[in-house]
Amino acid sequence: MAVILALVNCGASLGGGSGAGDHEIGMAVYYSDSLHGRKTASGEPYDKDKLTAAHKKLPLGTIVNVTNLSNRRSVQVKINDRGPFGNSRRIIDLSRAAAERLDMIRAGVVEVRVEIVETRGE
């Protein structure tokens, strides 16, 4: 665990200048079902059944591969919102559908690797 923390703290954070293959490791959470239908930062309504996510810095429309490090399940999602906010270790907020694919519903918060597949402009 200390090695992973060192990677996150040594600039492994993804930002707007990141490209395909760049990655970061941190914690993932998922949206509450109560947010279903609310507008995201992209203007799209949040749909709990779509494979989408929120990230603090990646351009909206970016496609990322998210891997649950405890079970190696992965899913590709489109960044269409901003967040998560609060806890600095939380790097991505997933739709319920994405969280189900990662088998993280019961845990609620899991350690993940987020890798850029395709960057699209905001």
N, C-alpha and C. Protein backbone atom coordinates (compact mmCIF):
# COMPACT_ATOMS: atom_id res chain seq x y z
N MET A 1 0.82 -1.20 0.00
CA MET A 1 0.00 0.00 0.00
C MET A 1 0.86 1.26 0.00
N ALA A 2 1.98 1.27 0.70
CA ALA A 2 2.83 2.45 0.75
C ALA A 2 3.38 2.80 -0.62
N VAL A 3 3.67 1.80 -1.44
CA VAL A 3 4.17 2.05 -2.78
C VAL A 3 3.13 2.76 -3.62
N ILE A 4 1.89 2.33 -3.51
CA ILE A 4 0.81 2.96 -4.26
C ILE A 4 0.63 4.40 -3.82
N LEU A 5 0.66 4.65 -2.53
CA LEU A 5 0.55 6.02 -2.05
C LEU A 5 1.68 6.88 -2.59
N ALA A 6 2.87 6.34 -2.65
CA ALA A 6 4.01 7.09 -3.18
C ALA A 6 3.78 7.44 -4.64
N LEU A 7 3.21 6.54 -5.43
CA LEU A 7 2.94 6.83 -6.83
C LEU A 7 1.93 7.97 -6.96
N VAL A 8 0.89 7.92 -6.16
CA VAL A 8 -0.12 8.96 -6.23
C VAL A 8 0.48 10.30 -5.82
N ASN A 9 1.30 10.32 -4.81
CA ASN A 9 1.87 11.55 -4.31
C ASN A 9 3.05 12.06 -5.13
N CYS A 10 3.56 11.26 -6.06
CA CYS A 10 4.71 11.67 -6.87
C CYS A 10 4.28 12.16 -8.25
N GLY A 11 3.10 12.65 -8.41
CA GLY A 11 2.68 13.23 -9.66
C GLY A 11 2.03 12.26 -10.63
N ALA A 12 1.52 11.15 -10.15
CA ALA A 12 0.85 10.19 -11.02
C ALA A 12 -0.58 10.64 -11.32
N SER A 13 -0.93 11.84 -10.89
CA SER A 13 -2.28 12.36 -11.10
C SER A 13 -2.49 12.70 -12.56
N LEU A 14 -3.63 12.32 -13.10
CA LEU A 14 -3.97 12.62 -14.48
C LEU A 14 -4.52 14.02 -14.57
N GLY A 15 -4.06 14.75 -15.55
CA GLY A 15 -4.56 16.10 -15.77
C GLY A 15 -4.92 16.30 -17.22
N GLY A 16 -5.22 17.52 -17.60
CA GLY A 16 -5.65 17.85 -18.95
C GLY A 16 -4.61 17.54 -20.02
N GLY A 17 -3.31 17.51 -19.67
CA GLY A 17 -2.27 17.25 -20.65
C GLY A 17 -1.92 15.79 -20.79
N SER A 18 -2.63 14.92 -20.12
CA SER A 18 -2.34 13.49 -20.16
C SER A 18 -2.81 12.89 -21.47
N GLY A 19 -2.19 11.77 -21.84
CA GLY A 19 -2.56 11.11 -23.09
C GLY A 19 -2.79 9.64 -22.90
N ALA A 20 -3.13 8.95 -24.00
CA ALA A 20 -3.41 7.53 -23.97
C ALA A 20 -2.30 6.76 -23.28
N GLY A 21 -2.68 5.86 -22.39
CA GLY A 21 -1.73 5.04 -21.65
C GLY A 21 -1.35 5.62 -20.30
N ASP A 22 -1.51 6.92 -20.11
CA ASP A 22 -1.22 7.51 -18.80
C ASP A 22 -2.22 6.98 -17.79
N HIS A 23 -1.79 6.85 -16.54
CA HIS A 23 -2.68 6.27 -15.53
C HIS A 23 -2.42 6.85 -14.15
N GLU A 24 -3.34 6.56 -13.25
CA GLU A 24 -3.19 6.91 -11.84
C GLU A 24 -3.87 5.84 -11.01
N ILE A 25 -3.47 5.75 -9.76
CA ILE A 25 -4.03 4.79 -8.83
C ILE A 25 -4.61 5.54 -7.64
N GLY A 26 -5.80 5.16 -7.24
CA GLY A 26 -6.45 5.79 -6.10
C GLY A 26 -7.76 5.07 -5.82
N MET A 27 -8.63 5.74 -5.12
CA MET A 27 -9.88 5.12 -4.70
C MET A 27 -11.04 5.56 -5.61
N ALA A 28 -11.95 4.62 -5.84
CA ALA A 28 -13.17 4.89 -6.62
C ALA A 28 -14.38 4.75 -5.73
N VAL A 29 -15.37 5.58 -5.99
CA VAL A 29 -16.67 5.50 -5.35
C VAL A 29 -17.70 5.49 -6.47
N TYR A 30 -18.98 5.36 -6.13
CA TYR A 30 -19.99 5.44 -7.18
C TYR A 30 -21.14 6.34 -6.75
N TYR A 31 -21.82 6.88 -7.77
CA TYR A 31 -22.93 7.80 -7.57
C TYR A 31 -24.11 7.14 -6.87
N SER A 32 -24.75 7.90 -6.04
CA SER A 32 -25.99 7.46 -5.41
C SER A 32 -27.08 7.39 -6.47
N ASP A 33 -27.95 6.41 -6.35
CA ASP A 33 -29.08 6.29 -7.28
C ASP A 33 -29.98 7.53 -7.25
N SER A 34 -29.95 8.26 -6.15
CA SER A 34 -30.80 9.45 -6.02
C SER A 34 -30.39 10.56 -7.00
N LEU A 35 -29.20 10.47 -7.59
CA LEU A 35 -28.74 11.47 -8.55
C LEU A 35 -29.17 11.16 -9.98
N HIS A 36 -29.79 10.01 -10.20
CA HIS A 36 -30.23 9.60 -11.53
C HIS A 36 -31.10 10.69 -12.14
N GLY A 37 -30.73 11.13 -13.35
CA GLY A 37 -31.50 12.15 -14.05
C GLY A 37 -30.99 13.57 -13.86
N ARG A 38 -30.14 13.80 -12.88
CA ARG A 38 -29.61 15.15 -12.65
C ARG A 38 -28.55 15.48 -13.68
N LYS A 39 -28.41 16.76 -14.00
CA LYS A 39 -27.47 17.20 -15.02
C LYS A 39 -26.03 17.06 -14.53
N THR A 40 -25.15 16.56 -15.41
CA THR A 40 -23.72 16.45 -15.13
C THR A 40 -23.00 17.67 -15.69
N ALA A 41 -21.70 17.77 -15.45
CA ALA A 41 -20.91 18.91 -15.94
C ALA A 41 -20.92 19.00 -17.46
N SER A 42 -21.11 17.87 -18.14
CA SER A 42 -21.15 17.87 -19.61
C SER A 42 -22.50 18.34 -20.15
N GLY A 43 -23.48 18.46 -19.27
CA GLY A 43 -24.83 18.82 -19.69
C GLY A 43 -25.74 17.61 -19.85
N GLU A 44 -25.15 16.41 -19.93
CA GLU A 44 -25.94 15.18 -20.03
C GLU A 44 -26.57 14.87 -18.68
N PRO A 45 -27.75 14.28 -18.67
CA PRO A 45 -28.29 13.82 -17.39
C PRO A 45 -27.52 12.58 -16.93
N TYR A 46 -27.32 12.45 -15.62
CA TYR A 46 -26.69 11.25 -15.09
C TYR A 46 -27.64 10.08 -15.30
N ASP A 47 -27.12 9.01 -15.89
CA ASP A 47 -27.90 7.79 -16.12
C ASP A 47 -27.17 6.66 -15.43
N LYS A 48 -27.76 6.14 -14.38
CA LYS A 48 -27.12 5.09 -13.59
C LYS A 48 -26.86 3.82 -14.40
N ASP A 49 -27.51 3.67 -15.54
CA ASP A 49 -27.36 2.47 -16.36
C ASP A 49 -26.32 2.61 -17.48
N LYS A 50 -25.71 3.79 -17.61
CA LYS A 50 -24.67 4.01 -18.62
C LYS A 50 -23.30 3.91 -17.98
N LEU A 51 -22.29 3.66 -18.80
CA LEU A 51 -20.91 3.52 -18.32
C LEU A 51 -20.23 4.88 -18.38
N THR A 52 -20.43 5.67 -17.32
CA THR A 52 -19.89 7.02 -17.23
C THR A 52 -19.21 7.23 -15.88
N ALA A 53 -18.50 8.36 -15.78
CA ALA A 53 -17.79 8.65 -14.53
C ALA A 53 -17.48 10.14 -14.42
N ALA A 54 -17.12 10.52 -13.20
CA ALA A 54 -16.66 11.88 -12.92
C ALA A 54 -15.18 11.84 -12.56
N HIS A 55 -14.43 12.81 -13.07
CA HIS A 55 -13.00 12.96 -12.76
C HIS A 55 -12.75 14.44 -12.56
N LYS A 56 -11.82 14.78 -11.68
CA LYS A 56 -11.55 16.18 -11.37
C LYS A 56 -10.94 16.96 -12.52
N LYS A 57 -10.05 16.33 -13.30
CA LYS A 57 -9.27 17.09 -14.28
C LYS A 57 -9.36 16.63 -15.72
N LEU A 58 -9.61 15.38 -15.98
CA LEU A 58 -9.61 14.89 -17.37
C LEU A 58 -10.66 15.61 -18.20
N PRO A 59 -10.36 15.88 -19.47
CA PRO A 59 -11.36 16.53 -20.33
C PRO A 59 -12.64 15.70 -20.43
N LEU A 60 -13.75 16.39 -20.42
CA LEU A 60 -15.03 15.71 -20.60
C LEU A 60 -15.01 15.00 -21.94
N GLY A 61 -15.54 13.79 -21.97
CA GLY A 61 -15.54 12.99 -23.19
C GLY A 61 -14.39 11.99 -23.25
N THR A 62 -13.41 12.13 -22.35
CA THR A 62 -12.29 11.19 -22.32
C THR A 62 -12.78 9.79 -21.96
N ILE A 63 -12.24 8.78 -22.63
CA ILE A 63 -12.56 7.39 -22.34
C ILE A 63 -11.42 6.82 -21.50
N VAL A 64 -11.75 6.21 -20.36
CA VAL A 64 -10.74 5.61 -19.48
C VAL A 64 -11.11 4.17 -19.18
N ASN A 65 -10.09 3.38 -18.91
CA ASN A 65 -10.28 2.02 -18.44
C ASN A 65 -10.06 2.04 -16.93
N VAL A 66 -11.01 1.53 -16.18
CA VAL A 66 -10.92 1.50 -14.72
C VAL A 66 -10.81 0.04 -14.30
N THR A 67 -9.78 -0.28 -13.52
CA THR A 67 -9.57 -1.65 -13.04
C THR A 67 -9.64 -1.68 -11.52
N ASN A 68 -10.50 -2.53 -11.00
CA ASN A 68 -10.60 -2.77 -9.56
C ASN A 68 -9.38 -3.60 -9.18
N LEU A 69 -8.49 -3.06 -8.36
CA LEU A 69 -7.24 -3.75 -8.04
C LEU A 69 -7.42 -4.95 -7.12
N SER A 70 -8.57 -5.07 -6.48
CA SER A 70 -8.77 -6.22 -5.59
C SER A 70 -9.23 -7.48 -6.33
N ASN A 71 -9.88 -7.30 -7.51
CA ASN A 71 -10.38 -8.47 -8.23
C ASN A 71 -10.01 -8.47 -9.72
N ARG A 72 -9.32 -7.42 -10.18
CA ARG A 72 -8.83 -7.27 -11.57
C ARG A 72 -9.95 -7.11 -12.60
N ARG A 73 -11.18 -6.89 -12.17
CA ARG A 73 -12.25 -6.60 -13.13
C ARG A 73 -12.04 -5.19 -13.66
N SER A 74 -12.39 -4.98 -14.93
CA SER A 74 -12.22 -3.65 -15.49
C SER A 74 -13.41 -3.27 -16.37
N VAL A 75 -13.53 -1.96 -16.61
CA VAL A 75 -14.61 -1.42 -17.40
C VAL A 75 -14.12 -0.12 -18.05
N GLN A 76 -14.60 0.15 -19.27
CA GLN A 76 -14.32 1.43 -19.92
C GLN A 76 -15.50 2.35 -19.69
N VAL A 77 -15.18 3.59 -19.30
CA VAL A 77 -16.22 4.59 -19.04
C VAL A 77 -15.86 5.91 -19.72
N LYS A 78 -16.88 6.71 -19.94
CA LYS A 78 -16.69 8.05 -20.50
C LYS A 78 -16.78 9.07 -19.36
N ILE A 79 -15.82 9.98 -19.30
CA ILE A 79 -15.86 11.05 -18.31
C ILE A 79 -16.88 12.09 -18.78
N ASN A 80 -17.94 12.29 -17.99
CA ASN A 80 -18.95 13.28 -18.35
C ASN A 80 -19.31 14.20 -17.19
N ASP A 81 -18.53 14.12 -16.11
CA ASP A 81 -18.84 14.95 -14.94
C ASP A 81 -17.56 15.27 -14.18
N ARG A 82 -17.66 16.14 -13.20
CA ARG A 82 -16.53 16.53 -12.35
C ARG A 82 -16.72 15.95 -10.95
N GLY A 83 -15.62 15.58 -10.33
CA GLY A 83 -15.63 15.03 -8.99
C GLY A 83 -14.72 13.83 -8.96
N PRO A 84 -14.65 13.07 -7.94
CA PRO A 84 -15.31 13.28 -6.64
C PRO A 84 -14.59 14.37 -5.84
N PHE A 85 -15.31 14.97 -4.94
CA PHE A 85 -14.74 16.04 -4.12
C PHE A 85 -14.72 15.60 -2.67
N GLY A 86 -13.85 16.22 -1.90
CA GLY A 86 -13.72 15.88 -0.48
C GLY A 86 -12.43 15.14 -0.21
N ASN A 87 -12.48 13.83 -0.19
CA ASN A 87 -11.33 12.99 0.12
C ASN A 87 -10.34 13.01 -1.05
N SER A 88 -9.09 13.42 -0.81
CA SER A 88 -8.10 13.56 -1.88
C SER A 88 -7.67 12.22 -2.48
N ARG A 89 -7.88 11.12 -1.78
CA ARG A 89 -7.51 9.80 -2.32
C ARG A 89 -8.55 9.29 -3.34
N ARG A 90 -9.73 9.88 -3.32
CA ARG A 90 -10.77 9.46 -4.27
C ARG A 90 -10.53 10.15 -5.61
N ILE A 91 -10.31 9.33 -6.65
CA ILE A 91 -9.93 9.89 -7.94
C ILE A 91 -11.00 9.79 -9.01
N ILE A 92 -12.01 8.93 -8.80
CA ILE A 92 -13.05 8.78 -9.81
C ILE A 92 -14.36 8.38 -9.13
N ASP A 93 -15.44 8.90 -9.69
CA ASP A 93 -16.79 8.62 -9.20
C ASP A 93 -17.52 7.93 -10.34
N LEU A 94 -17.92 6.70 -10.16
CA LEU A 94 -18.46 5.86 -11.23
C LEU A 94 -19.98 5.78 -11.22
N SER A 95 -20.56 5.56 -12.38
CA SER A 95 -21.99 5.28 -12.46
C SER A 95 -22.26 3.93 -11.79
N ARG A 96 -23.50 3.70 -11.44
CA ARG A 96 -23.85 2.41 -10.82
C ARG A 96 -23.54 1.24 -11.76
N ALA A 97 -23.81 1.40 -13.06
CA ALA A 97 -23.54 0.32 -14.02
C ALA A 97 -22.05 -0.02 -14.04
N ALA A 98 -21.20 0.99 -14.02
CA ALA A 98 -19.75 0.76 -14.01
C ALA A 98 -19.33 0.09 -12.71
N ALA A 99 -19.89 0.54 -11.60
CA ALA A 99 -19.57 -0.05 -10.30
C ALA A 99 -19.98 -1.52 -10.23
N GLU A 100 -21.12 -1.84 -10.83
CA GLU A 100 -21.56 -3.24 -10.87
C GLU A 100 -20.58 -4.09 -11.67
N ARG A 101 -20.11 -3.58 -12.80
CA ARG A 101 -19.15 -4.33 -13.62
C ARG A 101 -17.84 -4.58 -12.86
N LEU A 102 -17.49 -3.65 -11.97
CA LEU A 102 -16.26 -3.81 -11.17
C LEU A 102 -16.50 -4.62 -9.91
N ASP A 103 -17.74 -5.03 -9.67
CA ASP A 103 -18.12 -5.78 -8.48
C ASP A 103 -17.72 -5.04 -7.20
N MET A 104 -18.12 -3.74 -7.15
CA MET A 104 -17.74 -2.92 -5.99
C MET A 104 -18.95 -2.37 -5.23
N ILE A 105 -20.14 -2.78 -5.59
CA ILE A 105 -21.34 -2.23 -4.94
C ILE A 105 -21.32 -2.49 -3.44
N ARG A 106 -21.01 -3.70 -3.06
CA ARG A 106 -21.02 -4.05 -1.63
C ARG A 106 -19.94 -3.28 -0.85
N ALA A 107 -18.75 -3.16 -1.43
CA ALA A 107 -17.64 -2.47 -0.76
C ALA A 107 -17.87 -0.96 -0.72
N GLY A 108 -18.43 -0.39 -1.79
CA GLY A 108 -18.69 1.04 -1.84
C GLY A 108 -17.50 1.87 -2.29
N VAL A 109 -16.33 1.58 -1.77
CA VAL A 109 -15.09 2.28 -2.12
C VAL A 109 -14.02 1.22 -2.36
N VAL A 110 -13.36 1.29 -3.51
CA VAL A 110 -12.31 0.32 -3.84
C VAL A 110 -11.11 1.04 -4.45
N GLU A 111 -9.96 0.39 -4.37
CA GLU A 111 -8.76 0.92 -5.00
C GLU A 111 -8.76 0.53 -6.48
N VAL A 112 -8.48 1.50 -7.35
CA VAL A 112 -8.54 1.28 -8.78
C VAL A 112 -7.33 1.88 -9.49
N ARG A 113 -7.14 1.40 -10.70
CA ARG A 113 -6.18 1.99 -11.64
C ARG A 113 -7.02 2.60 -12.74
N VAL A 114 -6.81 3.88 -13.03
CA VAL A 114 -7.53 4.58 -14.08
C VAL A 114 -6.53 4.87 -15.19
N GLU A 115 -6.78 4.33 -16.39
CA GLU A 115 -5.87 4.51 -17.52
C GLU A 115 -6.61 5.15 -18.69
N ILE A 116 -6.00 6.17 -19.27
CA ILE A 116 -6.61 6.85 -20.42
C ILE A 116 -6.55 5.94 -21.64
N VAL A 117 -7.70 5.79 -22.29
CA VAL A 117 -7.80 5.05 -23.54
C VAL A 117 -7.81 6.02 -24.71
N GLU A 118 -8.64 7.06 -24.58
CA GLU A 118 -8.78 8.06 -25.64
C GLU A 118 -9.14 9.39 -25.03
N THR A 119 -8.38 10.43 -25.38
CA THR A 119 -8.67 11.78 -24.88
C THR A 119 -9.46 12.54 -25.92
N ARG A 120 -10.54 13.11 -25.49
CA ARG A 120 -11.37 13.96 -26.36
C ARG A 120 -11.41 15.35 -25.76
N GLY A 121 -11.52 16.35 -26.57
CA GLY A 121 -11.56 17.73 -26.07
C GLY A 121 -12.84 18.03 -25.33
N GLU A 122 -12.76 19.02 -24.42
CA GLU A 122 -13.95 19.44 -23.68
C GLU A 122 -14.83 20.31 -24.54
